[in-house]
Amino acid sequence: MASTITFYSNQININYPVVGEDNDTQGFRDNFSAIQSAFLVASSELSTIQDDGVKLTETNDFNNNTIKNVVLQNFSEVVKSRTVSNLSTSYAYVSLDYTEATYHKVNVLTNPSGTGTVAFSIINWPANGRYGRLYIDVKPDSTSTTTVSILGNSKIVGYTNTGSVAYQYTGTIFYELWSTDNGTNIFGTITR
């Protein structure tokens, strides 16, 4: 963005006053006016930079604008952890917010005597036409059957039950999910 300060600074007569001549006071007034206008513009532009500029000591919100031609190195993603407890044969609904984190760790604690089902809904996917990727790291604590469902029109590669997979497993189950249409269709893979 070009600054308009140069418009005013170009109006300053740097050769005024002329040595050895009777200089009209209007020339002084014109120069002072141009200097004052340049300072006012500079003040306004600096305030905009302070309010809207990228800050190294704060969280920055780019307001859904595109950052392009960038090289990333040594970066990380936010992890959100939670526990779903007292899970029995009934459903536990868990809402995962894409805007809070792209990596969600979920410990599933079932009742000792029961199986359980946890159903995840993912909200606030990126807008239609933008790729969003989300990871869910699920750790059931029981060797009883634990069913994990991804709500919505979800398709997990290698599984015929749309969005629903049952486990008898106490290790971590790792979902990678993605959508390009604001979560209308969710695709994914599972690793364990």
N, C-alpha and C. Protein backbone atom coordinates (compact mmCIF):
# COMPACT_ATOMS: atom_id res chain seq x y z
N MET A 1 0.85 -1.17 0.00
CA MET A 1 0.00 0.00 0.00
C MET A 1 0.90 1.23 0.00
N ALA A 2 0.73 2.08 -0.98
CA ALA A 2 1.53 3.31 -1.06
C ALA A 2 0.99 4.33 -0.08
N SER A 3 1.90 5.05 0.53
CA SER A 3 1.52 6.08 1.49
C SER A 3 1.17 7.37 0.77
N THR A 4 0.18 8.10 1.32
CA THR A 4 -0.17 9.41 0.75
C THR A 4 0.69 10.51 1.35
N ILE A 5 1.60 10.16 2.24
CA ILE A 5 2.48 11.17 2.84
C ILE A 5 3.30 11.86 1.75
N THR A 6 3.73 11.12 0.75
CA THR A 6 4.56 11.71 -0.31
C THR A 6 3.80 12.80 -1.07
N PHE A 7 2.48 12.67 -1.16
CA PHE A 7 1.69 13.71 -1.82
C PHE A 7 1.91 15.05 -1.11
N TYR A 8 1.89 15.02 0.23
CA TYR A 8 2.07 16.25 1.00
C TYR A 8 3.54 16.65 1.08
N SER A 9 4.42 15.69 1.22
CA SER A 9 5.84 16.04 1.31
C SER A 9 6.35 16.63 0.00
N ASN A 10 5.76 16.24 -1.12
CA ASN A 10 6.15 16.83 -2.42
C ASN A 10 5.70 18.29 -2.54
N GLN A 11 4.77 18.70 -1.70
CA GLN A 11 4.30 20.10 -1.72
C GLN A 11 5.20 21.02 -0.89
N ILE A 12 6.11 20.46 -0.14
CA ILE A 12 7.01 21.27 0.69
C ILE A 12 8.12 21.83 -0.20
N ASN A 13 8.28 23.12 -0.15
CA ASN A 13 9.35 23.78 -0.91
C ASN A 13 10.61 23.74 -0.06
N ILE A 14 11.50 22.82 -0.37
CA ILE A 14 12.70 22.66 0.46
C ILE A 14 13.70 23.78 0.23
N ASN A 15 13.50 24.60 -0.79
CA ASN A 15 14.39 25.74 -1.07
C ASN A 15 13.84 27.05 -0.50
N TYR A 16 12.86 26.94 0.36
CA TYR A 16 12.24 28.14 0.93
C TYR A 16 12.54 28.19 2.41
N PRO A 17 12.92 29.29 2.96
CA PRO A 17 13.06 30.61 2.36
C PRO A 17 14.36 30.73 1.56
N VAL A 18 14.34 31.65 0.62
CA VAL A 18 15.50 31.91 -0.22
C VAL A 18 16.40 32.90 0.51
N VAL A 19 17.68 32.56 0.62
CA VAL A 19 18.64 33.38 1.33
C VAL A 19 18.84 34.71 0.61
N GLY A 20 18.83 35.79 1.38
CA GLY A 20 19.12 37.11 0.85
C GLY A 20 17.95 37.78 0.17
N GLU A 21 16.77 37.15 0.21
CA GLU A 21 15.59 37.77 -0.40
C GLU A 21 14.54 38.04 0.67
N ASP A 22 13.64 38.96 0.35
CA ASP A 22 12.51 39.23 1.21
C ASP A 22 11.45 38.16 0.91
N ASN A 23 11.34 37.16 1.80
CA ASN A 23 10.47 36.02 1.56
C ASN A 23 9.07 36.29 2.12
N ASP A 24 8.09 36.03 1.30
CA ASP A 24 6.69 36.23 1.69
C ASP A 24 6.31 35.20 2.76
N THR A 25 5.57 35.59 3.76
CA THR A 25 5.16 34.67 4.83
C THR A 25 4.22 33.58 4.32
N GLN A 26 3.60 33.76 3.16
CA GLN A 26 2.71 32.74 2.60
C GLN A 26 3.49 31.46 2.31
N GLY A 27 4.72 31.57 1.89
CA GLY A 27 5.56 30.40 1.64
C GLY A 27 5.77 29.59 2.90
N PHE A 28 5.99 30.28 4.03
CA PHE A 28 6.12 29.57 5.32
C PHE A 28 4.81 28.86 5.68
N ARG A 29 3.69 29.60 5.51
CA ARG A 29 2.40 29.00 5.84
C ARG A 29 2.12 27.78 4.96
N ASP A 30 2.45 27.86 3.68
CA ASP A 30 2.24 26.71 2.78
C ASP A 30 3.08 25.51 3.21
N ASN A 31 4.34 25.75 3.56
CA ASN A 31 5.21 24.66 4.00
C ASN A 31 4.70 24.04 5.30
N PHE A 32 4.34 24.88 6.27
CA PHE A 32 3.84 24.36 7.55
C PHE A 32 2.55 23.57 7.36
N SER A 33 1.69 24.05 6.47
CA SER A 33 0.44 23.35 6.19
C SER A 33 0.71 21.96 5.59
N ALA A 34 1.64 21.90 4.64
CA ALA A 34 1.99 20.61 4.01
C ALA A 34 2.62 19.67 5.03
N ILE A 35 3.47 20.22 5.92
CA ILE A 35 4.10 19.39 6.96
C ILE A 35 3.04 18.84 7.92
N GLN A 36 2.12 19.70 8.34
CA GLN A 36 1.07 19.26 9.25
C GLN A 36 0.20 18.18 8.59
N SER A 37 -0.16 18.36 7.32
CA SER A 37 -0.97 17.36 6.61
C SER A 37 -0.22 16.03 6.52
N ALA A 38 1.09 16.09 6.25
CA ALA A 38 1.89 14.86 6.17
C ALA A 38 1.91 14.15 7.52
N PHE A 39 2.07 14.90 8.63
CA PHE A 39 2.06 14.30 9.96
C PHE A 39 0.71 13.66 10.28
N LEU A 40 -0.39 14.31 9.91
CA LEU A 40 -1.72 13.75 10.17
C LEU A 40 -1.92 12.44 9.41
N VAL A 41 -1.46 12.41 8.15
CA VAL A 41 -1.57 11.17 7.36
C VAL A 41 -0.69 10.09 7.98
N ALA A 42 0.54 10.45 8.37
CA ALA A 42 1.44 9.47 8.99
C ALA A 42 0.85 8.93 10.27
N SER A 43 0.24 9.79 11.08
CA SER A 43 -0.39 9.35 12.33
C SER A 43 -1.51 8.35 12.06
N SER A 44 -2.33 8.65 11.06
CA SER A 44 -3.43 7.76 10.71
C SER A 44 -2.92 6.41 10.20
N GLU A 45 -1.90 6.45 9.33
CA GLU A 45 -1.36 5.20 8.78
C GLU A 45 -0.66 4.37 9.85
N LEU A 46 0.05 5.02 10.77
CA LEU A 46 0.69 4.28 11.86
C LEU A 46 -0.34 3.66 12.78
N SER A 47 -1.43 4.36 13.04
CA SER A 47 -2.51 3.79 13.87
C SER A 47 -3.10 2.56 13.21
N THR A 48 -3.28 2.61 11.88
CA THR A 48 -3.80 1.45 11.15
C THR A 48 -2.83 0.28 11.25
N ILE A 49 -1.55 0.54 11.11
CA ILE A 49 -0.55 -0.53 11.24
C ILE A 49 -0.57 -1.11 12.65
N GLN A 50 -0.66 -0.27 13.66
CA GLN A 50 -0.69 -0.74 15.04
C GLN A 50 -1.94 -1.57 15.31
N ASP A 51 -3.07 -1.19 14.72
CA ASP A 51 -4.33 -1.91 14.96
C ASP A 51 -4.44 -3.18 14.13
N ASP A 52 -4.01 -3.11 12.86
CA ASP A 52 -4.26 -4.21 11.93
C ASP A 52 -3.02 -4.99 11.51
N GLY A 53 -1.84 -4.54 11.88
CA GLY A 53 -0.61 -5.20 11.45
C GLY A 53 -0.36 -6.50 12.19
N VAL A 54 0.49 -7.33 11.61
CA VAL A 54 0.89 -8.59 12.23
C VAL A 54 1.78 -8.29 13.43
N LYS A 55 1.48 -8.95 14.55
CA LYS A 55 2.23 -8.72 15.78
C LYS A 55 2.91 -10.01 16.20
N LEU A 56 4.15 -9.92 16.59
CA LEU A 56 4.91 -11.11 16.99
C LEU A 56 4.60 -11.55 18.41
N THR A 57 3.95 -10.70 19.20
CA THR A 57 3.69 -11.04 20.60
C THR A 57 2.21 -11.28 20.88
N GLU A 58 1.39 -11.37 19.84
CA GLU A 58 -0.05 -11.58 20.02
C GLU A 58 -0.56 -12.59 18.99
N THR A 59 -1.76 -13.10 19.25
CA THR A 59 -2.44 -13.93 18.27
C THR A 59 -2.97 -13.03 17.17
N ASN A 60 -2.74 -13.40 15.92
CA ASN A 60 -3.15 -12.59 14.78
C ASN A 60 -4.34 -13.25 14.08
N ASP A 61 -5.34 -12.46 13.75
CA ASP A 61 -6.50 -12.93 13.01
C ASP A 61 -6.46 -12.27 11.63
N PHE A 62 -6.30 -13.08 10.59
CA PHE A 62 -6.18 -12.56 9.24
C PHE A 62 -7.54 -12.39 8.57
N ASN A 63 -8.61 -12.55 9.33
CA ASN A 63 -9.97 -12.26 8.87
C ASN A 63 -10.31 -12.96 7.56
N ASN A 64 -9.87 -14.20 7.45
CA ASN A 64 -10.19 -15.05 6.30
C ASN A 64 -9.56 -14.57 5.00
N ASN A 65 -8.48 -13.79 5.09
CA ASN A 65 -7.76 -13.33 3.91
C ASN A 65 -6.69 -14.36 3.52
N THR A 66 -6.32 -14.36 2.28
CA THR A 66 -5.35 -15.32 1.75
C THR A 66 -3.92 -14.84 2.01
N ILE A 67 -3.10 -15.76 2.49
CA ILE A 67 -1.66 -15.53 2.60
C ILE A 67 -1.03 -16.46 1.57
N LYS A 68 -0.35 -15.91 0.59
CA LYS A 68 0.16 -16.77 -0.46
C LYS A 68 1.66 -16.60 -0.65
N ASN A 69 2.22 -17.58 -1.38
CA ASN A 69 3.65 -17.63 -1.67
C ASN A 69 4.44 -17.58 -0.36
N VAL A 70 4.11 -18.51 0.53
CA VAL A 70 4.71 -18.54 1.86
C VAL A 70 5.44 -19.87 2.06
N VAL A 71 6.53 -19.83 2.77
CA VAL A 71 7.26 -21.03 3.15
C VAL A 71 7.17 -21.15 4.66
N LEU A 72 6.68 -22.27 5.14
CA LEU A 72 6.54 -22.49 6.57
C LEU A 72 7.65 -23.40 7.07
N GLN A 73 8.21 -23.07 8.19
CA GLN A 73 9.24 -23.89 8.81
C GLN A 73 9.05 -23.82 10.32
N ASN A 74 9.20 -24.97 10.97
CA ASN A 74 9.13 -25.03 12.43
C ASN A 74 7.83 -24.43 12.95
N PHE A 75 6.70 -24.96 12.45
CA PHE A 75 5.40 -24.49 12.92
C PHE A 75 4.68 -25.66 13.59
N SER A 76 3.64 -25.37 14.32
CA SER A 76 2.86 -26.41 14.98
C SER A 76 1.38 -26.09 14.85
N GLU A 77 0.55 -27.07 15.21
CA GLU A 77 -0.89 -26.89 15.18
C GLU A 77 -1.43 -27.07 16.60
N VAL A 78 -2.56 -26.43 16.85
CA VAL A 78 -3.17 -26.48 18.17
C VAL A 78 -3.77 -27.86 18.43
N VAL A 79 -3.57 -28.39 19.65
CA VAL A 79 -4.14 -29.66 20.07
C VAL A 79 -5.15 -29.38 21.17
N LYS A 80 -6.33 -29.94 21.04
CA LYS A 80 -7.35 -29.81 22.09
C LYS A 80 -7.63 -31.20 22.64
N SER A 81 -7.53 -31.34 23.97
CA SER A 81 -7.75 -32.63 24.63
C SER A 81 -9.05 -32.59 25.42
N ARG A 82 -9.71 -33.74 25.49
CA ARG A 82 -10.93 -33.88 26.30
C ARG A 82 -11.14 -35.34 26.66
N THR A 83 -11.98 -35.56 27.64
CA THR A 83 -12.32 -36.90 28.08
C THR A 83 -13.83 -37.08 28.02
N VAL A 84 -14.27 -38.20 27.44
CA VAL A 84 -15.68 -38.57 27.43
C VAL A 84 -15.79 -39.70 28.45
N SER A 85 -16.52 -39.45 29.55
CA SER A 85 -16.53 -40.44 30.64
C SER A 85 -17.92 -41.04 30.85
N ASN A 86 -17.93 -42.13 31.64
CA ASN A 86 -19.15 -42.86 31.99
C ASN A 86 -19.95 -43.30 30.77
N LEU A 87 -19.25 -43.66 29.74
CA LEU A 87 -19.90 -44.08 28.52
C LEU A 87 -20.46 -45.49 28.71
N SER A 88 -21.74 -45.65 28.42
CA SER A 88 -22.35 -46.98 28.52
C SER A 88 -22.90 -47.34 27.15
N THR A 89 -24.01 -48.07 27.11
CA THR A 89 -24.55 -48.47 25.80
C THR A 89 -25.22 -47.31 25.09
N SER A 90 -25.42 -46.20 25.77
CA SER A 90 -26.04 -45.05 25.11
C SER A 90 -24.97 -44.23 24.38
N TYR A 91 -25.44 -43.33 23.54
CA TYR A 91 -24.54 -42.49 22.77
C TYR A 91 -23.99 -41.34 23.62
N ALA A 92 -22.77 -41.00 23.36
CA ALA A 92 -22.21 -39.75 23.87
C ALA A 92 -21.92 -38.90 22.64
N TYR A 93 -22.54 -37.74 22.57
CA TYR A 93 -22.31 -36.83 21.45
C TYR A 93 -21.21 -35.85 21.82
N VAL A 94 -20.22 -35.74 20.95
CA VAL A 94 -19.10 -34.83 21.20
C VAL A 94 -18.96 -33.93 19.97
N SER A 95 -19.01 -32.64 20.23
CA SER A 95 -18.87 -31.67 19.15
C SER A 95 -17.42 -31.20 19.12
N LEU A 96 -16.78 -31.33 17.97
CA LEU A 96 -15.41 -30.87 17.78
C LEU A 96 -15.45 -29.64 16.88
N ASP A 97 -14.84 -28.56 17.35
CA ASP A 97 -14.88 -27.29 16.63
C ASP A 97 -13.58 -27.11 15.84
N TYR A 98 -13.71 -27.06 14.53
CA TYR A 98 -12.54 -26.89 13.66
C TYR A 98 -11.78 -25.61 13.99
N THR A 99 -12.50 -24.55 14.39
CA THR A 99 -11.84 -23.27 14.66
C THR A 99 -11.04 -23.29 15.96
N GLU A 100 -11.30 -24.26 16.84
CA GLU A 100 -10.54 -24.35 18.09
C GLU A 100 -9.22 -25.09 17.92
N ALA A 101 -9.22 -26.10 17.06
CA ALA A 101 -8.01 -26.90 16.85
C ALA A 101 -8.24 -27.80 15.64
N THR A 102 -7.14 -28.20 15.00
CA THR A 102 -7.24 -29.17 13.92
C THR A 102 -6.78 -30.56 14.38
N TYR A 103 -6.38 -30.66 15.64
CA TYR A 103 -5.98 -31.95 16.22
C TYR A 103 -6.71 -32.08 17.56
N HIS A 104 -7.57 -33.10 17.66
CA HIS A 104 -8.37 -33.32 18.87
C HIS A 104 -8.01 -34.69 19.47
N LYS A 105 -7.60 -34.67 20.74
CA LYS A 105 -7.31 -35.91 21.47
C LYS A 105 -8.49 -36.20 22.39
N VAL A 106 -9.07 -37.41 22.26
CA VAL A 106 -10.25 -37.75 23.04
C VAL A 106 -10.02 -39.09 23.75
N ASN A 107 -10.05 -39.06 25.09
CA ASN A 107 -10.02 -40.29 25.88
C ASN A 107 -11.46 -40.72 26.12
N VAL A 108 -11.77 -41.97 25.77
CA VAL A 108 -13.12 -42.49 25.93
C VAL A 108 -13.11 -43.45 27.11
N LEU A 109 -13.78 -43.07 28.20
CA LEU A 109 -13.85 -43.90 29.40
C LEU A 109 -15.22 -44.55 29.46
N THR A 110 -15.25 -45.87 29.33
CA THR A 110 -16.53 -46.59 29.34
C THR A 110 -16.81 -47.13 30.73
N ASN A 111 -18.08 -47.45 30.99
CA ASN A 111 -18.42 -48.14 32.23
C ASN A 111 -17.80 -49.53 32.16
N PRO A 112 -17.32 -50.06 33.30
CA PRO A 112 -16.62 -51.35 33.26
C PRO A 112 -17.42 -52.48 32.63
N SER A 113 -18.74 -52.44 32.77
CA SER A 113 -19.53 -53.57 32.29
C SER A 113 -20.16 -53.33 30.93
N GLY A 114 -19.96 -52.16 30.35
CA GLY A 114 -20.72 -51.88 29.13
C GLY A 114 -19.88 -51.54 27.93
N THR A 115 -20.53 -51.62 26.80
CA THR A 115 -19.93 -51.13 25.57
C THR A 115 -20.37 -49.69 25.42
N GLY A 116 -19.79 -48.98 24.50
CA GLY A 116 -20.17 -47.58 24.36
C GLY A 116 -20.05 -47.10 22.94
N THR A 117 -20.76 -46.02 22.68
CA THR A 117 -20.70 -45.39 21.38
C THR A 117 -20.48 -43.91 21.58
N VAL A 118 -19.49 -43.38 20.90
CA VAL A 118 -19.25 -41.95 20.91
C VAL A 118 -19.42 -41.44 19.48
N ALA A 119 -20.24 -40.41 19.35
CA ALA A 119 -20.54 -39.85 18.03
C ALA A 119 -19.96 -38.44 17.96
N PHE A 120 -19.09 -38.22 16.99
CA PHE A 120 -18.46 -36.93 16.81
C PHE A 120 -19.18 -36.14 15.72
N SER A 121 -19.47 -34.90 16.03
CA SER A 121 -19.90 -33.97 14.99
C SER A 121 -18.82 -32.89 14.90
N ILE A 122 -18.45 -32.56 13.69
CA ILE A 122 -17.42 -31.54 13.48
C ILE A 122 -18.12 -30.29 12.98
N ILE A 123 -17.91 -29.19 13.70
CA ILE A 123 -18.55 -27.94 13.33
C ILE A 123 -17.51 -26.92 12.87
N ASN A 124 -17.99 -25.93 12.16
CA ASN A 124 -17.18 -24.79 11.70
C ASN A 124 -16.03 -25.19 10.77
N TRP A 125 -16.33 -26.11 9.85
CA TRP A 125 -15.36 -26.42 8.79
C TRP A 125 -15.09 -25.16 7.99
N PRO A 126 -13.98 -25.11 7.24
CA PRO A 126 -13.76 -23.96 6.35
C PRO A 126 -14.89 -23.84 5.33
N ALA A 127 -15.03 -22.66 4.77
CA ALA A 127 -16.10 -22.36 3.82
C ALA A 127 -16.04 -23.28 2.61
N ASN A 128 -17.17 -23.39 1.94
CA ASN A 128 -17.28 -24.19 0.73
C ASN A 128 -16.20 -23.78 -0.27
N GLY A 129 -15.52 -24.76 -0.86
CA GLY A 129 -14.46 -24.48 -1.82
C GLY A 129 -13.09 -24.36 -1.19
N ARG A 130 -13.00 -24.55 0.13
CA ARG A 130 -11.71 -24.53 0.82
C ARG A 130 -11.49 -25.87 1.51
N TYR A 131 -10.26 -26.33 1.46
CA TYR A 131 -9.90 -27.63 2.02
C TYR A 131 -9.65 -27.49 3.52
N GLY A 132 -10.32 -28.32 4.29
CA GLY A 132 -10.09 -28.36 5.73
C GLY A 132 -9.72 -29.78 6.14
N ARG A 133 -8.71 -29.92 7.00
CA ARG A 133 -8.24 -31.22 7.46
C ARG A 133 -8.26 -31.21 8.99
N LEU A 134 -8.79 -32.30 9.57
CA LEU A 134 -8.91 -32.40 11.02
C LEU A 134 -8.50 -33.79 11.46
N TYR A 135 -7.76 -33.86 12.55
CA TYR A 135 -7.35 -35.15 13.11
C TYR A 135 -8.08 -35.40 14.42
N ILE A 136 -8.49 -36.64 14.61
CA ILE A 136 -9.07 -37.06 15.90
C ILE A 136 -8.26 -38.25 16.39
N ASP A 137 -7.72 -38.11 17.58
CA ASP A 137 -6.90 -39.13 18.23
C ASP A 137 -7.77 -39.70 19.35
N VAL A 138 -8.38 -40.89 19.11
CA VAL A 138 -9.34 -41.48 20.05
C VAL A 138 -8.67 -42.62 20.81
N LYS A 139 -8.78 -42.60 22.14
CA LYS A 139 -8.20 -43.66 22.96
C LYS A 139 -9.28 -44.25 23.86
N PRO A 140 -9.87 -45.41 23.46
CA PRO A 140 -10.83 -46.09 24.33
C PRO A 140 -10.09 -46.78 25.48
N ASP A 141 -10.74 -46.88 26.64
CA ASP A 141 -10.09 -47.51 27.78
C ASP A 141 -10.59 -48.93 28.02
N SER A 142 -11.38 -49.47 27.12
CA SER A 142 -12.00 -50.77 27.36
C SER A 142 -11.76 -51.70 26.18
N THR A 143 -11.66 -52.98 26.49
CA THR A 143 -11.60 -53.97 25.42
C THR A 143 -13.00 -54.39 24.99
N SER A 144 -14.03 -53.87 25.68
CA SER A 144 -15.41 -54.06 25.20
C SER A 144 -15.55 -53.27 23.90
N THR A 145 -16.59 -53.57 23.16
CA THR A 145 -16.76 -52.91 21.88
C THR A 145 -17.08 -51.43 22.07
N THR A 146 -16.25 -50.61 21.49
CA THR A 146 -16.47 -49.17 21.48
C THR A 146 -16.72 -48.77 20.04
N THR A 147 -17.84 -48.13 19.80
CA THR A 147 -18.17 -47.69 18.45
C THR A 147 -17.94 -46.20 18.35
N VAL A 148 -17.21 -45.81 17.33
CA VAL A 148 -16.96 -44.39 17.06
C VAL A 148 -17.67 -44.03 15.76
N SER A 149 -18.47 -42.98 15.82
CA SER A 149 -19.19 -42.52 14.64
C SER A 149 -18.79 -41.09 14.32
N ILE A 150 -18.68 -40.81 13.04
CA ILE A 150 -18.51 -39.44 12.56
C ILE A 150 -19.86 -39.06 11.95
N LEU A 151 -20.54 -38.11 12.58
CA LEU A 151 -21.88 -37.74 12.13
C LEU A 151 -21.82 -36.96 10.82
N GLY A 152 -22.92 -36.97 10.11
CA GLY A 152 -22.99 -36.28 8.83
C GLY A 152 -22.75 -37.27 7.70
N ASN A 153 -22.60 -36.77 6.52
CA ASN A 153 -22.36 -37.60 5.35
C ASN A 153 -20.86 -37.89 5.28
N SER A 154 -20.43 -38.87 6.10
CA SER A 154 -19.00 -39.16 6.20
C SER A 154 -18.69 -40.53 5.61
N LYS A 155 -17.57 -40.59 4.94
CA LYS A 155 -17.12 -41.83 4.31
C LYS A 155 -15.68 -42.09 4.74
N ILE A 156 -15.48 -43.20 5.44
CA ILE A 156 -14.16 -43.59 5.91
C ILE A 156 -13.60 -44.62 4.94
N VAL A 157 -12.43 -44.36 4.40
CA VAL A 157 -11.82 -45.25 3.42
C VAL A 157 -11.64 -46.64 4.01
N GLY A 158 -12.12 -47.65 3.29
CA GLY A 158 -11.95 -49.03 3.71
C GLY A 158 -13.07 -49.57 4.60
N TYR A 159 -14.06 -48.76 4.93
CA TYR A 159 -15.17 -49.20 5.79
C TYR A 159 -16.48 -48.98 5.07
N THR A 160 -17.36 -50.00 5.16
CA THR A 160 -18.65 -49.90 4.46
C THR A 160 -19.69 -49.17 5.30
N ASN A 161 -19.60 -49.22 6.62
CA ASN A 161 -20.54 -48.47 7.46
C ASN A 161 -20.17 -47.00 7.36
N THR A 162 -21.04 -46.20 6.82
CA THR A 162 -20.74 -44.79 6.63
C THR A 162 -20.50 -44.11 7.96
N GLY A 163 -19.29 -43.66 8.17
CA GLY A 163 -18.95 -42.87 9.35
C GLY A 163 -18.94 -43.57 10.67
N SER A 164 -19.12 -44.90 10.71
CA SER A 164 -19.21 -45.61 11.99
C SER A 164 -18.29 -46.82 11.99
N VAL A 165 -17.42 -46.91 13.01
CA VAL A 165 -16.49 -48.02 13.10
C VAL A 165 -16.49 -48.52 14.54
N ALA A 166 -16.61 -49.84 14.73
CA ALA A 166 -16.60 -50.43 16.07
C ALA A 166 -15.23 -51.04 16.35
N TYR A 167 -14.75 -50.90 17.61
CA TYR A 167 -13.43 -51.38 18.00
C TYR A 167 -13.53 -52.22 19.26
N GLN A 168 -12.68 -53.22 19.37
CA GLN A 168 -12.40 -53.89 20.63
C GLN A 168 -10.90 -53.72 20.82
N TYR A 169 -10.55 -52.56 21.31
CA TYR A 169 -9.15 -52.16 21.22
C TYR A 169 -8.91 -51.05 22.24
N THR A 170 -7.80 -51.13 22.96
CA THR A 170 -7.50 -50.07 23.94
C THR A 170 -6.39 -49.14 23.48
N GLY A 171 -5.87 -49.37 22.30
CA GLY A 171 -4.85 -48.46 21.78
C GLY A 171 -5.49 -47.23 21.13
N THR A 172 -4.65 -46.36 20.66
CA THR A 172 -5.14 -45.13 20.04
C THR A 172 -5.61 -45.41 18.61
N ILE A 173 -6.75 -44.85 18.28
CA ILE A 173 -7.31 -44.92 16.93
C ILE A 173 -7.21 -43.50 16.37
N PHE A 174 -6.61 -43.39 15.22
CA PHE A 174 -6.28 -42.09 14.67
C PHE A 174 -7.08 -41.84 13.40
N TYR A 175 -7.94 -40.82 13.43
CA TYR A 175 -8.74 -40.44 12.27
C TYR A 175 -8.11 -39.22 11.59
N GLU A 176 -8.03 -39.27 10.29
CA GLU A 176 -7.72 -38.07 9.52
C GLU A 176 -8.95 -37.79 8.66
N LEU A 177 -9.57 -36.64 8.85
CA LEU A 177 -10.79 -36.28 8.13
C LEU A 177 -10.55 -35.03 7.30
N TRP A 178 -11.27 -34.91 6.21
CA TRP A 178 -11.15 -33.71 5.39
C TRP A 178 -12.47 -33.41 4.69
N SER A 179 -12.63 -32.16 4.35
CA SER A 179 -13.83 -31.71 3.64
C SER A 179 -13.46 -30.50 2.79
N THR A 180 -14.14 -30.38 1.65
CA THR A 180 -13.95 -29.21 0.79
C THR A 180 -15.25 -28.45 0.60
N ASP A 181 -16.30 -28.86 1.32
CA ASP A 181 -17.60 -28.23 1.12
C ASP A 181 -18.28 -27.88 2.45
N ASN A 182 -17.49 -27.32 3.37
CA ASN A 182 -18.01 -26.86 4.66
C ASN A 182 -18.61 -28.00 5.47
N GLY A 183 -18.07 -29.21 5.31
CA GLY A 183 -18.51 -30.36 6.09
C GLY A 183 -19.75 -31.05 5.58
N THR A 184 -20.26 -30.64 4.42
CA THR A 184 -21.42 -31.35 3.84
C THR A 184 -21.04 -32.80 3.56
N ASN A 185 -19.85 -33.01 3.04
CA ASN A 185 -19.30 -34.35 2.83
C ASN A 185 -17.96 -34.41 3.54
N ILE A 186 -17.79 -35.44 4.37
CA ILE A 186 -16.55 -35.63 5.12
C ILE A 186 -15.93 -36.95 4.68
N PHE A 187 -14.66 -36.92 4.34
CA PHE A 187 -13.94 -38.13 3.95
C PHE A 187 -12.85 -38.37 4.97
N GLY A 188 -12.42 -39.63 5.11
CA GLY A 188 -11.40 -39.87 6.10
C GLY A 188 -10.71 -41.22 5.98
N THR A 189 -9.64 -41.34 6.72
CA THR A 189 -8.91 -42.59 6.86
C THR A 189 -8.69 -42.86 8.35
N ILE A 190 -8.43 -44.11 8.67
CA ILE A 190 -8.19 -44.50 10.05
C ILE A 190 -6.86 -45.24 10.13
N THR A 191 -6.11 -44.95 11.18
CA THR A 191 -4.87 -45.66 11.47
C THR A 191 -4.91 -46.07 12.93
N ARG A 192 -4.41 -47.27 13.23
CA ARG A 192 -4.27 -47.66 14.64
C ARG A 192 -3.04 -48.51 14.83
